[in-house]
Amino acid sequence: VRRWPLTSYAETISVLLGQTPRLRVALIG
């Protein structure tokens, strides 16, 4: 129950990629 929804993570990543030049996103686990 501590998880934030994956759909919310996906939208956040998409917005940040559009806003931040030269952004790389590393997913971990």
PDB file of all heavy atoms in Angstrom:
ATOM      1  N   VAL A   1       0.826  -1.211   0.000  1.00  0.00           N
ATOM      2  CA  VAL A   1       0.000   0.000   0.000  1.00  0.00           C
ATOM      3  C   VAL A   1       0.863   1.266   0.000  1.00  0.00           C
ATOM      4  O   VAL A   1       0.342   2.365  -0.182  1.00  0.00           O
ATOM      5  CB  VAL A   1      -0.954   0.027   1.219  1.00  0.00           C
ATOM      6  CG1 VAL A   1      -2.048  -0.998   1.077  1.00  0.00           C
ATOM      7  CG2 VAL A   1      -0.189  -0.163   2.523  1.00  0.00           C
ATOM      8  N   ARG A   2       2.158   1.127   0.150  1.00  0.00           N
ATOM      9  CA  ARG A   2       3.046   2.296   0.094  1.00  0.00           C
ATOM     10  C   ARG A   2       3.332   2.727  -1.351  1.00  0.00           C
ATOM     11  O   ARG A   2       3.969   3.755  -1.568  1.00  0.00           O
ATOM     12  CB  ARG A   2       4.375   1.980   0.783  1.00  0.00           C
ATOM     13  CG  ARG A   2       4.248   1.627   2.255  1.00  0.00           C
ATOM     14  CD  ARG A   2       5.617   1.461   2.880  1.00  0.00           C
ATOM     15  NE  ARG A   2       5.535   0.863   4.197  1.00  0.00           N
ATOM     16  CZ  ARG A   2       6.538   0.841   5.073  1.00  0.00           C
ATOM     17  NH1 ARG A   2       7.693   1.378   4.760  1.00  0.00           N
ATOM     18  NH2 ARG A   2       6.398   0.273   6.251  1.00  0.00           N
ATOM     19  N   ARG A   3       2.882   1.955  -2.321  1.00  0.00           N
ATOM     20  CA  ARG A   3       3.187   2.282  -3.716  1.00  0.00           C
ATOM     21  C   ARG A   3       2.301   3.408  -4.257  1.00  0.00           C
ATOM     22  O   ARG A   3       1.080   3.372  -4.101  1.00  0.00           O
ATOM     23  CB  ARG A   3       2.983   1.050  -4.594  1.00  0.00           C
ATOM     24  CG  ARG A   3       4.004  -0.065  -4.434  1.00  0.00           C
ATOM     25  CD  ARG A   3       3.542  -1.274  -5.223  1.00  0.00           C
ATOM     26  NE  ARG A   3       4.559  -2.312  -5.347  1.00  0.00           N
ATOM     27  CZ  ARG A   3       4.360  -3.488  -5.898  1.00  0.00           C
ATOM     28  NH1 ARG A   3       3.156  -3.786  -6.368  1.00  0.00           N
ATOM     29  NH2 ARG A   3       5.332  -4.382  -5.978  1.00  0.00           N
ATOM     30  N   TRP A   4       2.926   4.343  -4.914  1.00  0.00           N
ATOM     31  CA  TRP A   4       2.214   5.335  -5.724  1.00  0.00           C
ATOM     32  C   TRP A   4       1.862   4.650  -7.039  1.00  0.00           C
ATOM     33  O   TRP A   4       2.641   3.829  -7.543  1.00  0.00           O
ATOM     34  CB  TRP A   4       3.117   6.542  -5.965  1.00  0.00           C
ATOM     35  CG  TRP A   4       2.430   7.802  -6.380  1.00  0.00           C
ATOM     36  CD1 TRP A   4       1.278   8.320  -5.881  1.00  0.00           C
ATOM     37  CD2 TRP A   4       2.894   8.733  -7.376  1.00  0.00           C
ATOM     38  NE1 TRP A   4       0.965   9.512  -6.499  1.00  0.00           N
ATOM     39  CE2 TRP A   4       1.953   9.795  -7.427  1.00  0.00           C
ATOM     40  CE3 TRP A   4       3.994   8.773  -8.233  1.00  0.00           C
ATOM     41  CZ2 TRP A   4       2.083  10.877  -8.287  1.00  0.00           C
ATOM     42  CZ3 TRP A   4       4.138   9.856  -9.082  1.00  0.00           C
ATOM     43  CH2 TRP A   4       3.191  10.894  -9.108  1.00  0.00           C
ATOM     44  N   PRO A   5       0.696   4.935  -7.653  1.00  0.00           N
ATOM     45  CA  PRO A   5       0.276   4.207  -8.860  1.00  0.00           C
ATOM     46  C   PRO A   5       1.298   4.320  -9.994  1.00  0.00           C
ATOM     47  O   PRO A   5       1.890   5.378 -10.220  1.00  0.00           O
ATOM     48  CB  PRO A   5      -1.043   4.884  -9.235  1.00  0.00           C
ATOM     49  CG  PRO A   5      -1.563   5.450  -7.955  1.00  0.00           C
ATOM     50  CD  PRO A   5      -0.341   5.877  -7.189  1.00  0.00           C
ATOM     51  N   LEU A   6       1.487   3.219 -10.739  1.00  0.00           N
ATOM     52  CA  LEU A   6       2.412   3.231 -11.867  1.00  0.00           C
ATOM     53  C   LEU A   6       1.993   4.246 -12.926  1.00  0.00           C
ATOM     54  O   LEU A   6       2.847   4.871 -13.574  1.00  0.00           O
ATOM     55  CB  LEU A   6       2.490   1.838 -12.492  1.00  0.00           C
ATOM     56  CG  LEU A   6       3.292   0.767 -11.735  1.00  0.00           C
ATOM     57  CD1 LEU A   6       3.316  -0.529 -12.533  1.00  0.00           C
ATOM     58  CD2 LEU A   6       4.713   1.236 -11.449  1.00  0.00           C
ATOM     59  N   THR A   7       0.686   4.406 -13.110  1.00  0.00           N
ATOM     60  CA  THR A   7       0.223   5.387 -14.102  1.00  0.00           C
ATOM     61  C   THR A   7       0.655   6.797 -13.716  1.00  0.00           C
ATOM     62  O   THR A   7       0.979   7.610 -14.598  1.00  0.00           O
ATOM     63  CB  THR A   7      -1.308   5.330 -14.231  1.00  0.00           C
ATOM     64  OG1 THR A   7      -1.909   5.445 -12.921  1.00  0.00           O
ATOM     65  CG2 THR A   7      -1.754   4.019 -14.866  1.00  0.00           C
ATOM     66  N   SER A   8       0.682   7.084 -12.417  1.00  0.00           N
ATOM     67  CA  SER A   8       1.114   8.400 -11.963  1.00  0.00           C
ATOM     68  C   SER A   8       2.615   8.583 -12.185  1.00  0.00           C
ATOM     69  O   SER A   8       3.072   9.657 -12.597  1.00  0.00           O
ATOM     70  CB  SER A   8       0.774   8.584 -10.480  1.00  0.00           C
ATOM     71  OG  SER A   8      -0.615   8.524 -10.261  1.00  0.00           O
ATOM     72  N   TYR A   9       3.383   7.523 -11.916  1.00  0.00           N
ATOM     73  CA  TYR A   9       4.823   7.588 -12.186  1.00  0.00           C
ATOM     74  C   TYR A   9       5.062   7.822 -13.680  1.00  0.00           C
ATOM     75  O   TYR A   9       5.911   8.638 -14.071  1.00  0.00           O
ATOM     76  CB  TYR A   9       5.501   6.291 -11.758  1.00  0.00           C
ATOM     77  CG  TYR A   9       5.969   6.280 -10.322  1.00  0.00           C
ATOM     78  CD1 TYR A   9       5.381   5.429  -9.389  1.00  0.00           C
ATOM     79  CD2 TYR A   9       7.002   7.101  -9.893  1.00  0.00           C
ATOM     80  CE1 TYR A   9       5.808   5.404  -8.074  1.00  0.00           C
ATOM     81  CE2 TYR A   9       7.447   7.084  -8.575  1.00  0.00           C
ATOM     82  CZ  TYR A   9       6.838   6.235  -7.665  1.00  0.00           C
ATOM     83  OH  TYR A   9       7.273   6.222  -6.370  1.00  0.00           O
ATOM     84  N   ALA A  10       4.334   7.104 -14.518  1.00  0.00           N
ATOM     85  CA  ALA A  10       4.534   7.214 -15.960  1.00  0.00           C
ATOM     86  C   ALA A  10       4.246   8.630 -16.452  1.00  0.00           C
ATOM     87  O   ALA A  10       5.023   9.193 -17.248  1.00  0.00           O
ATOM     88  CB  ALA A  10       3.646   6.202 -16.686  1.00  0.00           C
ATOM     89  N   GLU A  11       3.146   9.216 -16.001  1.00  0.00           N
ATOM     90  CA  GLU A  11       2.812  10.571 -16.431  1.00  0.00           C
ATOM     91  C   GLU A  11       3.839  11.569 -15.916  1.00  0.00           C
ATOM     92  O   GLU A  11       4.234  12.500 -16.624  1.00  0.00           O
ATOM     93  CB  GLU A  11       1.409  10.948 -15.954  1.00  0.00           C
ATOM     94  CG  GLU A  11       0.954  12.293 -16.481  1.00  0.00           C
ATOM     95  CD  GLU A  11      -0.507  12.586 -16.188  1.00  0.00           C
ATOM     96  OE1 GLU A  11      -1.257  11.638 -15.864  1.00  0.00           O
ATOM     97  OE2 GLU A  11      -0.900  13.770 -16.291  1.00  0.00           O
ATOM     98  N   THR A  12       4.304  11.366 -14.674  1.00  0.00           N
ATOM     99  CA  THR A  12       5.322  12.255 -14.108  1.00  0.00           C
ATOM    100  C   THR A  12       6.597  12.214 -14.933  1.00  0.00           C
ATOM    101  O   THR A  12       7.192  13.252 -15.260  1.00  0.00           O
ATOM    102  CB  THR A  12       5.623  11.847 -12.654  1.00  0.00           C
ATOM    103  OG1 THR A  12       4.442  12.009 -11.863  1.00  0.00           O
ATOM    104  CG2 THR A  12       6.749  12.699 -12.075  1.00  0.00           C
ATOM    105  N   ILE A  13       7.048  11.005 -15.269  1.00  0.00           N
ATOM    106  CA  ILE A  13       8.266  10.852 -16.063  1.00  0.00           C
ATOM    107  C   ILE A  13       8.100  11.514 -17.427  1.00  0.00           C
ATOM    108  O   ILE A  13       8.997  12.225 -17.910  1.00  0.00           O
ATOM    109  CB  ILE A  13       8.626   9.365 -16.205  1.00  0.00           C
ATOM    110  CG1 ILE A  13       9.067   8.803 -14.848  1.00  0.00           C
ATOM    111  CG2 ILE A  13       9.726   9.164 -17.249  1.00  0.00           C
ATOM    112  CD1 ILE A  13       9.228   7.294 -14.839  1.00  0.00           C
ATOM    113  N   SER A  14       6.949  11.332 -18.057  1.00  0.00           N
ATOM    114  CA  SER A  14       6.718  11.906 -19.380  1.00  0.00           C
ATOM    115  C   SER A  14       6.765  13.432 -19.339  1.00  0.00           C
ATOM    116  O   SER A  14       7.367  14.072 -20.213  1.00  0.00           O
ATOM    117  CB  SER A  14       5.361  11.437 -19.923  1.00  0.00           C
ATOM    118  OG  SER A  14       5.345  10.024 -20.094  1.00  0.00           O
ATOM    119  N   VAL A  15       6.146  14.013 -18.313  1.00  0.00           N
ATOM    120  CA  VAL A  15       6.148  15.475 -18.188  1.00  0.00           C
ATOM    121  C   VAL A  15       7.561  15.993 -17.936  1.00  0.00           C
ATOM    122  O   VAL A  15       8.006  16.969 -18.545  1.00  0.00           O
ATOM    123  CB  VAL A  15       5.201  15.924 -17.059  1.00  0.00           C
ATOM    124  CG1 VAL A  15       5.329  17.429 -16.823  1.00  0.00           C
ATOM    125  CG2 VAL A  15       3.758  15.569 -17.401  1.00  0.00           C
ATOM    126  N   LEU A  16       8.310  15.316 -17.048  1.00  0.00           N
ATOM    127  CA  LEU A  16       9.660  15.757 -16.722  1.00  0.00           C
ATOM    128  C   LEU A  16      10.587  15.650 -17.932  1.00  0.00           C
ATOM    129  O   LEU A  16      11.455  16.515 -18.134  1.00  0.00           O
ATOM    130  CB  LEU A  16      10.212  14.944 -15.552  1.00  0.00           C
ATOM    131  CG  LEU A  16       9.612  15.261 -14.187  1.00  0.00           C
ATOM    132  CD1 LEU A  16      10.076  14.237 -13.151  1.00  0.00           C
ATOM    133  CD2 LEU A  16       9.997  16.671 -13.739  1.00  0.00           C
ATOM    134  N   LEU A  17      10.410  14.607 -18.746  1.00  0.00           N
ATOM    135  CA  LEU A  17      11.226  14.467 -19.948  1.00  0.00           C
ATOM    136  C   LEU A  17      10.967  15.620 -20.911  1.00  0.00           C
ATOM    137  O   LEU A  17      11.882  16.090 -21.602  1.00  0.00           O
ATOM    138  CB  LEU A  17      10.942  13.137 -20.629  1.00  0.00           C
ATOM    139  CG  LEU A  17      11.519  11.894 -19.955  1.00  0.00           C
ATOM    140  CD1 LEU A  17      10.972  10.622 -20.596  1.00  0.00           C
ATOM    141  CD2 LEU A  17      13.041  11.896 -20.016  1.00  0.00           C
ATOM    142  N   GLY A  18       9.719  16.091 -20.948  1.00  0.00           N
ATOM    143  CA  GLY A  18       9.392  17.216 -21.817  1.00  0.00           C
ATOM    144  C   GLY A  18       9.883  18.543 -21.279  1.00  0.00           C
ATOM    145  O   GLY A  18      10.152  19.468 -22.051  1.00  0.00           O
ATOM    146  N   GLN A  19      10.013  18.635 -19.961  1.00  0.00           N
ATOM    147  CA  GLN A  19      10.398  19.896 -19.330  1.00  0.00           C
ATOM    148  C   GLN A  19      11.899  20.054 -19.141  1.00  0.00           C
ATOM    149  O   GLN A  19      12.400  21.177 -19.096  1.00  0.00           O
ATOM    150  CB  GLN A  19       9.721  20.025 -17.957  1.00  0.00           C
ATOM    151  CG  GLN A  19       8.229  20.224 -17.987  1.00  0.00           C
ATOM    152  CD  GLN A  19       7.654  20.378 -16.585  1.00  0.00           C
ATOM    153  OE1 GLN A  19       8.341  20.156 -15.577  1.00  0.00           O
ATOM    154  NE2 GLN A  19       6.389  20.754 -16.519  1.00  0.00           N
ATOM    155  N   THR A  20      12.613  18.942 -18.999  1.00  0.00           N
ATOM    156  CA  THR A  20      14.011  18.995 -18.581  1.00  0.00           C
ATOM    157  C   THR A  20      14.936  18.574 -19.709  1.00  0.00           C
ATOM    158  O   THR A  20      14.917  17.407 -20.132  1.00  0.00           O
ATOM    159  CB  THR A  20      14.240  18.065 -17.372  1.00  0.00           C
ATOM    160  OG1 THR A  20      13.258  18.321 -16.374  1.00  0.00           O
ATOM    161  CG2 THR A  20      15.634  18.286 -16.783  1.00  0.00           C
ATOM    162  N   PRO A  21      15.740  19.481 -20.208  1.00  0.00           N
ATOM    163  CA  PRO A  21      16.680  19.107 -21.273  1.00  0.00           C
ATOM    164  C   PRO A  21      17.691  18.070 -20.783  1.00  0.00           C
ATOM    165  O   PRO A  21      18.113  18.085 -19.634  1.00  0.00           O
ATOM    166  CB  PRO A  21      17.380  20.444 -21.590  1.00  0.00           C
ATOM    167  CG  PRO A  21      16.469  21.506 -21.060  1.00  0.00           C
ATOM    168  CD  PRO A  21      15.798  20.903 -19.866  1.00  0.00           C
ATOM    169  N   ARG A  22      18.030  17.159 -21.655  1.00  0.00           N
ATOM    170  CA  ARG A  22      19.067  16.155 -21.405  1.00  0.00           C
ATOM    171  C   ARG A  22      18.783  15.327 -20.152  1.00  0.00           C
ATOM    172  O   ARG A  22      19.692  14.995 -19.397  1.00  0.00           O
ATOM    173  CB  ARG A  22      20.438  16.817 -21.288  1.00  0.00           C
ATOM    174  CG  ARG A  22      20.835  17.652 -22.501  1.00  0.00           C
ATOM    175  CD  ARG A  22      22.260  18.120 -22.412  1.00  0.00           C
ATOM    176  NE  ARG A  22      23.159  16.964 -22.450  1.00  0.00           N
ATOM    177  CZ  ARG A  22      24.145  16.810 -23.331  1.00  0.00           C
ATOM    178  NH1 ARG A  22      24.335  17.722 -24.254  1.00  0.00           N
ATOM    179  NH2 ARG A  22      24.932  15.751 -23.293  1.00  0.00           N
ATOM    180  N   LEU A  23      17.536  14.984 -19.935  1.00  0.00           N
ATOM    181  CA  LEU A  23      17.176  14.176 -18.769  1.00  0.00           C
ATOM    182  C   LEU A  23      17.252  12.696 -19.114  1.00  0.00           C
ATOM    183  O   LEU A  23      16.786  12.246 -20.156  1.00  0.00           O
ATOM    184  CB  LEU A  23      15.767  14.510 -18.291  1.00  0.00           C
ATOM    185  CG  LEU A  23      15.254  13.709 -17.079  1.00  0.00           C
ATOM    186  CD1 LEU A  23      16.100  14.011 -15.845  1.00  0.00           C
ATOM    187  CD2 LEU A  23      13.790  14.014 -16.799  1.00  0.00           C
ATOM    188  N   ARG A  24      17.858  11.929 -18.204  1.00  0.00           N
ATOM    189  CA  ARG A  24      17.871  10.474 -18.274  1.00  0.00           C
ATOM    190  C   ARG A  24      17.191   9.945 -17.008  1.00  0.00           C
ATOM    191  O   ARG A  24      17.409  10.469 -15.914  1.00  0.00           O
ATOM    192  CB  ARG A  24      19.292   9.937 -18.374  1.00  0.00           C
ATOM    193  CG  ARG A  24      19.995  10.276 -19.689  1.00  0.00           C
ATOM    194  CD  ARG A  24      19.360   9.496 -20.828  1.00  0.00           C
ATOM    195  NE  ARG A  24      20.028   9.725 -22.106  1.00  0.00           N
ATOM    196  CZ  ARG A  24      19.658  10.629 -23.002  1.00  0.00           C
ATOM    197  NH1 ARG A  24      18.630  11.431 -22.719  1.00  0.00           N
ATOM    198  NH2 ARG A  24      20.287  10.762 -24.136  1.00  0.00           N
ATOM    199  N   VAL A  25      16.379   8.892 -17.175  1.00  0.00           N
ATOM    200  CA  VAL A  25      15.620   8.333 -16.050  1.00  0.00           C
ATOM    201  C   VAL A  25      16.029   6.874 -15.867  1.00  0.00           C
ATOM    202  O   VAL A  25      15.880   6.051 -16.786  1.00  0.00           O
ATOM    203  CB  VAL A  25      14.101   8.424 -16.296  1.00  0.00           C
ATOM    204  CG1 VAL A  25      13.338   7.850 -15.100  1.00  0.00           C
ATOM    205  CG2 VAL A  25      13.694   9.873 -16.546  1.00  0.00           C
ATOM    206  N   ALA A  26      16.534   6.563 -14.675  1.00  0.00           N
ATOM    207  CA  ALA A  26      16.936   5.198 -14.339  1.00  0.00           C
ATOM    208  C   ALA A  26      15.906   4.598 -13.390  1.00  0.00           C
ATOM    209  O   ALA A  26      15.712   5.098 -12.276  1.00  0.00           O
ATOM    210  CB  ALA A  26      18.316   5.198 -13.683  1.00  0.00           C
ATOM    211  N   LEU A  27      15.223   3.535 -13.832  1.00  0.00           N
ATOM    212  CA  LEU A  27      14.258   2.833 -12.993  1.00  0.00           C
ATOM    213  C   LEU A  27      14.998   1.744 -12.228  1.00  0.00           C
ATOM    214  O   LEU A  27      15.765   0.982 -12.814  1.00  0.00           O
ATOM    215  CB  LEU A  27      13.155   2.211 -13.851  1.00  0.00           C
ATOM    216  CG  LEU A  27      12.462   3.137 -14.852  1.00  0.00           C
ATOM    217  CD1 LEU A  27      11.408   2.362 -15.647  1.00  0.00           C
ATOM    218  CD2 LEU A  27      11.837   4.337 -14.153  1.00  0.00           C
ATOM    219  N   ILE A  28      14.789   1.667 -10.918  1.00  0.00           N
ATOM    220  CA  ILE A  28      15.525   0.710 -10.100  1.00  0.00           C
ATOM    221  C   ILE A  28      14.573  -0.218  -9.360  1.00  0.00           C
ATOM    222  O   ILE A  28      13.378   0.037  -9.242  1.00  0.00           O
ATOM    223  CB  ILE A  28      16.448   1.419  -9.087  1.00  0.00           C
ATOM    224  CG1 ILE A  28      15.616   2.260  -8.100  1.00  0.00           C
ATOM    225  CG2 ILE A  28      17.482   2.287  -9.804  1.00  0.00           C
ATOM    226  CD1 ILE A  28      16.419   2.773  -6.909  1.00  0.00           C
ATOM    227  N   GLY A  29      15.145  -1.287  -8.826  1.00  0.00           N
ATOM    228  CA  GLY A  29      14.390  -2.269  -8.053  1.00  0.00           C
ATOM    229  C   GLY A  29      15.210  -3.535  -7.928  1.00  0.00           C
ATOM    230  O   GLY A  29      16.289  -3.665  -8.530  1.00  0.00           O
TER     231      GLY A  29
END
